[in-house]
PDB file of all heavy atoms in Angstrom:
ATOM      1  N   ALA A   1       2.451  -2.608  -8.791  1.00  0.00           N
ATOM      2  CA  ALA A   1       3.153  -2.322  -7.527  1.00  0.00           C
ATOM      3  C   ALA A   1       2.143  -2.276  -6.372  1.00  0.00           C
ATOM      4  O   ALA A   1       2.417  -2.782  -5.269  1.00  0.00           O
ATOM      5  CB  ALA A   1       3.897  -0.995  -7.631  1.00  0.00           C
ATOM      6  N   LEU A   2       0.973  -1.709  -6.628  1.00  0.00           N
ATOM      7  CA  LEU A   2      -0.077  -1.656  -5.598  1.00  0.00           C
ATOM      8  C   LEU A   2      -0.576  -3.062  -5.279  1.00  0.00           C
ATOM      9  O   LEU A   2      -0.798  -3.402  -4.108  1.00  0.00           O
ATOM     10  CB  LEU A   2      -1.231  -0.774  -6.079  1.00  0.00           C
ATOM     11  CG  LEU A   2      -2.427  -0.650  -5.119  1.00  0.00           C
ATOM     12  CD1 LEU A   2      -1.989  -0.063  -3.774  1.00  0.00           C
ATOM     13  CD2 LEU A   2      -3.529   0.188  -5.745  1.00  0.00           C
ATOM     14  N   PHE A   3      -0.711  -3.867  -6.320  1.00  0.00           N
ATOM     15  CA  PHE A   3      -1.139  -5.258  -6.119  1.00  0.00           C
ATOM     16  C   PHE A   3      -0.164  -5.997  -5.212  1.00  0.00           C
ATOM     17  O   PHE A   3      -0.562  -6.672  -4.256  1.00  0.00           O
ATOM     18  CB  PHE A   3      -1.248  -5.969  -7.477  1.00  0.00           C
ATOM     19  CG  PHE A   3      -1.543  -7.439  -7.369  1.00  0.00           C
ATOM     20  CD1 PHE A   3      -2.852  -7.897  -7.270  1.00  0.00           C
ATOM     21  CD2 PHE A   3      -0.510  -8.376  -7.343  1.00  0.00           C
ATOM     22  CE1 PHE A   3      -3.136  -9.250  -7.164  1.00  0.00           C
ATOM     23  CE2 PHE A   3      -0.780  -9.734  -7.233  1.00  0.00           C
ATOM     24  CZ  PHE A   3      -2.097 -10.166  -7.145  1.00  0.00           C
ATOM     25  N   ASN A   4       1.133  -5.879  -5.503  1.00  0.00           N
ATOM     26  CA  ASN A   4       2.161  -6.576  -4.714  1.00  0.00           C
ATOM     27  C   ASN A   4       2.164  -6.105  -3.263  1.00  0.00           C
ATOM     28  O   ASN A   4       2.349  -6.904  -2.340  1.00  0.00           O
ATOM     29  CB  ASN A   4       3.538  -6.357  -5.344  1.00  0.00           C
ATOM     30  CG  ASN A   4       3.697  -7.110  -6.657  1.00  0.00           C
ATOM     31  OD1 ASN A   4       3.118  -8.189  -6.840  1.00  0.00           O
ATOM     32  ND2 ASN A   4       4.462  -6.544  -7.594  1.00  0.00           N
ATOM     33  N   LEU A   5       1.960  -4.799  -3.071  1.00  0.00           N
ATOM     34  CA  LEU A   5       1.951  -4.247  -1.712  1.00  0.00           C
ATOM     35  C   LEU A   5       0.739  -4.776  -0.927  1.00  0.00           C
ATOM     36  O   LEU A   5       0.886  -5.226   0.212  1.00  0.00           O
ATOM     37  CB  LEU A   5       1.907  -2.717  -1.769  1.00  0.00           C
ATOM     38  CG  LEU A   5       1.864  -1.996  -0.410  1.00  0.00           C
ATOM     39  CD1 LEU A   5       3.127  -2.303   0.409  1.00  0.00           C
ATOM     40  CD2 LEU A   5       1.730  -0.482  -0.606  1.00  0.00           C
ATOM     41  N   LEU A   6      -0.443  -4.734  -1.533  1.00  0.00           N
ATOM     42  CA  LEU A   6      -1.657  -5.204  -0.865  1.00  0.00           C
ATOM     43  C   LEU A   6      -1.596  -6.704  -0.592  1.00  0.00           C
ATOM     44  O   LEU A   6      -2.095  -7.183   0.424  1.00  0.00           O
ATOM     45  CB  LEU A   6      -2.893  -4.870  -1.712  1.00  0.00           C
ATOM     46  CG  LEU A   6      -3.253  -3.390  -1.814  1.00  0.00           C
ATOM     47  CD1 LEU A   6      -4.407  -3.190  -2.795  1.00  0.00           C
ATOM     48  CD2 LEU A   6      -3.637  -2.822  -0.452  1.00  0.00           C
ATOM     49  N   ASP A   7      -0.979  -7.429  -1.500  1.00  0.00           N
ATOM     50  CA  ASP A   7      -0.859  -8.881  -1.339  1.00  0.00           C
ATOM     51  C   ASP A   7      -0.047  -9.240  -0.096  1.00  0.00           C
ATOM     52  O   ASP A   7      -0.293 -10.252   0.571  1.00  0.00           O
ATOM     53  CB  ASP A   7      -0.226  -9.479  -2.601  1.00  0.00           C
ATOM     54  CG  ASP A   7      -0.190 -10.999  -2.585  1.00  0.00           C
ATOM     55  OD1 ASP A   7      -1.111 -11.605  -1.993  1.00  0.00           O
ATOM     56  OD2 ASP A   7       0.751 -11.575  -3.154  1.00  0.00           O
ATOM     57  N   LYS A   8       0.947  -8.397   0.227  1.00  0.00           N
ATOM     58  CA  LYS A   8       1.820  -8.671   1.386  1.00  0.00           C
ATOM     59  C   LYS A   8       1.183  -8.237   2.707  1.00  0.00           C
ATOM     60  O   LYS A   8       1.584  -8.690   3.772  1.00  0.00           O
ATOM     61  CB  LYS A   8       3.156  -7.941   1.206  1.00  0.00           C
ATOM     62  CG  LYS A   8       4.005  -8.520   0.073  1.00  0.00           C
ATOM     63  CD  LYS A   8       5.257  -7.676  -0.151  1.00  0.00           C
ATOM     64  CE  LYS A   8       6.060  -8.196  -1.336  1.00  0.00           C
ATOM     65  NZ  LYS A   8       7.216  -7.313  -1.632  1.00  0.00           N
ATOM     66  N   MET A   9       0.190  -7.348   2.655  1.00  0.00           N
ATOM     67  CA  MET A   9      -0.437  -6.836   3.877  1.00  0.00           C
ATOM     68  C   MET A   9      -1.333  -7.890   4.539  1.00  0.00           C
ATOM     69  O   MET A   9      -1.993  -8.654   3.862  1.00  0.00           O
ATOM     70  CB  MET A   9      -1.314  -5.614   3.551  1.00  0.00           C
ATOM     71  CG  MET A   9      -0.559  -4.338   3.299  1.00  0.00           C
ATOM     72  SD  MET A   9      -1.747  -2.967   3.076  1.00  0.00           S
ATOM     73  CE  MET A   9      -0.629  -1.619   2.750  1.00  0.00           C
ATOM     74  N   ASN A  10      -1.322  -7.887   5.863  1.00  0.00           N
ATOM     75  CA  ASN A  10      -2.267  -8.729   6.610  1.00  0.00           C
ATOM     76  C   ASN A  10      -3.578  -7.986   6.851  1.00  0.00           C
ATOM     77  O   ASN A  10      -4.649  -8.596   6.895  1.00  0.00           O
ATOM     78  CB  ASN A  10      -1.661  -9.151   7.947  1.00  0.00           C
ATOM     79  CG  ASN A  10      -0.492 -10.096   7.766  1.00  0.00           C
ATOM     80  OD1 ASN A  10      -0.528 -10.978   6.902  1.00  0.00           O
ATOM     81  ND2 ASN A  10       0.561  -9.907   8.540  1.00  0.00           N
ATOM     82  N   ASP A  11      -3.492  -6.666   7.013  1.00  0.00           N
ATOM     83  CA  ASP A  11      -4.661  -5.807   7.184  1.00  0.00           C
ATOM     84  C   ASP A  11      -4.508  -4.608   6.268  1.00  0.00           C
ATOM     85  O   ASP A  11      -3.392  -4.150   6.014  1.00  0.00           O
ATOM     86  CB  ASP A  11      -4.785  -5.323   8.637  1.00  0.00           C
ATOM     87  CG  ASP A  11      -4.968  -6.474   9.601  1.00  0.00           C
ATOM     88  OD1 ASP A  11      -5.982  -7.179   9.483  1.00  0.00           O
ATOM     89  OD2 ASP A  11      -4.086  -6.678  10.459  1.00  0.00           O
ATOM     90  N   TYR A  12      -5.651  -4.126   5.791  1.00  0.00           N
ATOM     91  CA  TYR A  12      -5.607  -2.975   4.893  1.00  0.00           C
ATOM     92  C   TYR A  12      -5.246  -1.705   5.669  1.00  0.00           C
ATOM     93  O   TYR A  12      -5.932  -1.348   6.628  1.00  0.00           O
ATOM     94  CB  TYR A  12      -6.954  -2.786   4.196  1.00  0.00           C
ATOM     95  CG  TYR A  12      -6.956  -1.622   3.231  1.00  0.00           C
ATOM     96  CD1 TYR A  12      -6.463  -1.769   1.942  1.00  0.00           C
ATOM     97  CD2 TYR A  12      -7.415  -0.366   3.627  1.00  0.00           C
ATOM     98  CE1 TYR A  12      -6.445  -0.699   1.062  1.00  0.00           C
ATOM     99  CE2 TYR A  12      -7.399   0.713   2.757  1.00  0.00           C
ATOM    100  CZ  TYR A  12      -6.914   0.542   1.469  1.00  0.00           C
ATOM    101  OH  TYR A  12      -6.880   1.594   0.596  1.00  0.00           O
ATOM    102  N   LYS A  13      -4.153  -1.038   5.251  1.00  0.00           N
ATOM    103  CA  LYS A  13      -3.723   0.201   5.891  1.00  0.00           C
ATOM    104  C   LYS A  13      -3.377   1.209   4.805  1.00  0.00           C
ATOM    105  O   LYS A  13      -2.340   1.103   4.148  1.00  0.00           O
ATOM    106  CB  LYS A  13      -2.513  -0.046   6.801  1.00  0.00           C
ATOM    107  CG  LYS A  13      -2.832  -0.923   8.013  1.00  0.00           C
ATOM    108  CD  LYS A  13      -1.602  -1.183   8.846  1.00  0.00           C
ATOM    109  CE  LYS A  13      -1.936  -2.101  10.031  1.00  0.00           C
ATOM    110  NZ  LYS A  13      -0.721  -2.450  10.808  1.00  0.00           N
ATOM    111  N   GLU A  14      -4.261   2.189   4.650  1.00  0.00           N
ATOM    112  CA  GLU A  14      -4.063   3.202   3.606  1.00  0.00           C
ATOM    113  C   GLU A  14      -2.795   4.014   3.856  1.00  0.00           C
ATOM    114  O   GLU A  14      -2.105   4.422   2.916  1.00  0.00           O
ATOM    115  CB  GLU A  14      -5.282   4.126   3.565  1.00  0.00           C
ATOM    116  CG  GLU A  14      -5.325   4.998   2.327  1.00  0.00           C
ATOM    117  CD  GLU A  14      -6.649   5.704   2.187  1.00  0.00           C
ATOM    118  OE1 GLU A  14      -7.656   5.023   1.899  1.00  0.00           O
ATOM    119  OE2 GLU A  14      -6.679   6.942   2.371  1.00  0.00           O
ATOM    120  N   SER A  15      -2.455   4.196   5.117  1.00  0.00           N
ATOM    121  CA  SER A  15      -1.255   4.983   5.455  1.00  0.00           C
ATOM    122  C   SER A  15       0.009   4.335   4.898  1.00  0.00           C
ATOM    123  O   SER A  15       0.920   5.022   4.431  1.00  0.00           O
ATOM    124  CB  SER A  15      -1.133   5.137   6.973  1.00  0.00           C
ATOM    125  OG  SER A  15      -1.090   3.863   7.602  1.00  0.00           O
ATOM    126  N   GLU A  16       0.054   2.999   4.911  1.00  0.00           N
ATOM    127  CA  GLU A  16       1.222   2.279   4.380  1.00  0.00           C
ATOM    128  C   GLU A  16       1.324   2.438   2.868  1.00  0.00           C
ATOM    129  O   GLU A  16       2.425   2.520   2.311  1.00  0.00           O
ATOM    130  CB  GLU A  16       1.142   0.790   4.745  1.00  0.00           C
ATOM    131  CG  GLU A  16       1.513   0.491   6.184  1.00  0.00           C
ATOM    132  CD  GLU A  16       1.677  -1.008   6.441  1.00  0.00           C
ATOM    133  OE1 GLU A  16       1.979  -1.744   5.488  1.00  0.00           O
ATOM    134  OE2 GLU A  16       1.492  -1.415   7.598  1.00  0.00           O
ATOM    135  N   ILE A  17       0.169   2.459   2.191  1.00  0.00           N
ATOM    136  CA  ILE A  17       0.170   2.637   0.730  1.00  0.00           C
ATOM    137  C   ILE A  17       0.740   4.006   0.378  1.00  0.00           C
ATOM    138  O   ILE A  17       1.604   4.134  -0.495  1.00  0.00           O
ATOM    139  CB  ILE A  17      -1.264   2.495   0.169  1.00  0.00           C
ATOM    140  CG1 ILE A  17      -1.814   1.096   0.442  1.00  0.00           C
ATOM    141  CG2 ILE A  17      -1.282   2.787  -1.333  1.00  0.00           C
ATOM    142  CD1 ILE A  17      -3.272   0.917   0.093  1.00  0.00           C
ATOM    143  N   LEU A  18       0.269   5.030   1.072  1.00  0.00           N
ATOM    144  CA  LEU A  18       0.731   6.397   0.802  1.00  0.00           C
ATOM    145  C   LEU A  18       2.201   6.562   1.170  1.00  0.00           C
ATOM    146  O   LEU A  18       2.964   7.258   0.485  1.00  0.00           O
ATOM    147  CB  LEU A  18      -0.134   7.393   1.570  1.00  0.00           C
ATOM    148  CG  LEU A  18      -1.631   7.397   1.195  1.00  0.00           C
ATOM    149  CD1 LEU A  18      -2.406   8.331   2.110  1.00  0.00           C
ATOM    150  CD2 LEU A  18      -1.813   7.786  -0.263  1.00  0.00           C
ATOM    151  N   LYS A  19       2.608   5.899   2.245  1.00  0.00           N
ATOM    152  CA  LYS A  19       4.003   5.978   2.695  1.00  0.00           C
ATOM    153  C   LYS A  19       4.950   5.319   1.689  1.00  0.00           C
ATOM    154  O   LYS A  19       6.106   5.713   1.554  1.00  0.00           O
ATOM    155  CB  LYS A  19       4.129   5.278   4.050  1.00  0.00           C
ATOM    156  CG  LYS A  19       5.474   5.465   4.734  1.00  0.00           C
ATOM    157  CD  LYS A  19       5.467   4.779   6.094  1.00  0.00           C
ATOM    158  CE  LYS A  19       6.828   4.904   6.778  1.00  0.00           C
ATOM    159  NZ  LYS A  19       6.850   4.219   8.093  1.00  0.00           N
ATOM    160  N   SER A  20       4.433   4.307   0.948  1.00  0.00           N
ATOM    161  CA  SER A  20       5.283   3.579  -0.019  1.00  0.00           C
ATOM    162  C   SER A  20       5.684   4.434  -1.207  1.00  0.00           C
ATOM    163  O   SER A  20       6.663   4.135  -1.896  1.00  0.00           O
ATOM    164  CB  SER A  20       4.534   2.351  -0.535  1.00  0.00           C
ATOM    165  OG  SER A  20       3.455   2.743  -1.376  1.00  0.00           O
ATOM    166  N   GLY A  21       4.935   5.518  -1.466  1.00  0.00           N
ATOM    167  CA  GLY A  21       5.266   6.394  -2.588  1.00  0.00           C
ATOM    168  C   GLY A  21       4.761   5.906  -3.930  1.00  0.00           C
ATOM    169  O   GLY A  21       5.062   6.507  -4.970  1.00  0.00           O
ATOM    170  N   ILE A  22       4.007   4.830  -3.941  1.00  0.00           N
ATOM    171  CA  ILE A  22       3.479   4.290  -5.199  1.00  0.00           C
ATOM    172  C   ILE A  22       2.525   5.277  -5.849  1.00  0.00           C
ATOM    173  O   ILE A  22       2.521   5.468  -7.069  1.00  0.00           O
ATOM    174  CB  ILE A  22       2.749   2.947  -4.955  1.00  0.00           C
ATOM    175  CG1 ILE A  22       3.747   1.876  -4.512  1.00  0.00           C
ATOM    176  CG2 ILE A  22       2.014   2.494  -6.208  1.00  0.00           C
ATOM    177  CD1 ILE A  22       3.091   0.582  -4.058  1.00  0.00           C
ATOM    178  N   VAL A  23       1.711   5.922  -5.029  1.00  0.00           N
ATOM    179  CA  VAL A  23       0.655   6.784  -5.556  1.00  0.00           C
ATOM    180  C   VAL A  23       0.343   7.896  -4.554  1.00  0.00           C
ATOM    181  O   VAL A  23       0.520   7.718  -3.343  1.00  0.00           O
ATOM    182  CB  VAL A  23      -0.625   5.942  -5.835  1.00  0.00           C
ATOM    183  CG1 VAL A  23      -1.159   5.320  -4.556  1.00  0.00           C
ATOM    184  CG2 VAL A  23      -1.688   6.757  -6.538  1.00  0.00           C
ATOM    185  N   LYS A  24      -0.101   9.031  -5.078  1.00  0.00           N
ATOM    186  CA  LYS A  24      -0.523  10.131  -4.215  1.00  0.00           C
ATOM    187  C   LYS A  24      -1.961   9.894  -3.759  1.00  0.00           C
ATOM    188  O   LYS A  24      -2.718   9.194  -4.416  1.00  0.00           O
ATOM    189  CB  LYS A  24      -0.424  11.458  -4.966  1.00  0.00           C
ATOM    190  CG  LYS A  24       1.008  11.843  -5.312  1.00  0.00           C
ATOM    191  CD  LYS A  24       1.047  13.143  -6.082  1.00  0.00           C
ATOM    192  CE  LYS A  24       2.487  13.507  -6.459  1.00  0.00           C
ATOM    193  NZ  LYS A  24       2.533  14.761  -7.247  1.00  0.00           N
ATOM    194  N   LYS A  25      -2.317  10.518  -2.660  1.00  0.00           N
ATOM    195  CA  LYS A  25      -3.624  10.306  -2.058  1.00  0.00           C
ATOM    196  C   LYS A  25      -4.764  10.590  -3.033  1.00  0.00           C
ATOM    197  O   LYS A  25      -5.726   9.821  -3.120  1.00  0.00           O
ATOM    198  CB  LYS A  25      -3.775  11.182  -0.805  1.00  0.00           C
ATOM    199  CG  LYS A  25      -5.065  10.911  -0.030  1.00  0.00           C
ATOM    200  CD  LYS A  25      -5.116  11.707   1.260  1.00  0.00           C
ATOM    201  CE  LYS A  25      -6.397  11.457   2.025  1.00  0.00           C
ATOM    202  NZ  LYS A  25      -6.541  10.078   2.498  1.00  0.00           N
TER     203      LYS A  25
END
């Protein structure tokens, strides 16, 4: 799930990863 999310991003944004609920900080 993290791979798919990062693949769609144009720029790395840690806030978007945390907001997605995939993983805790």
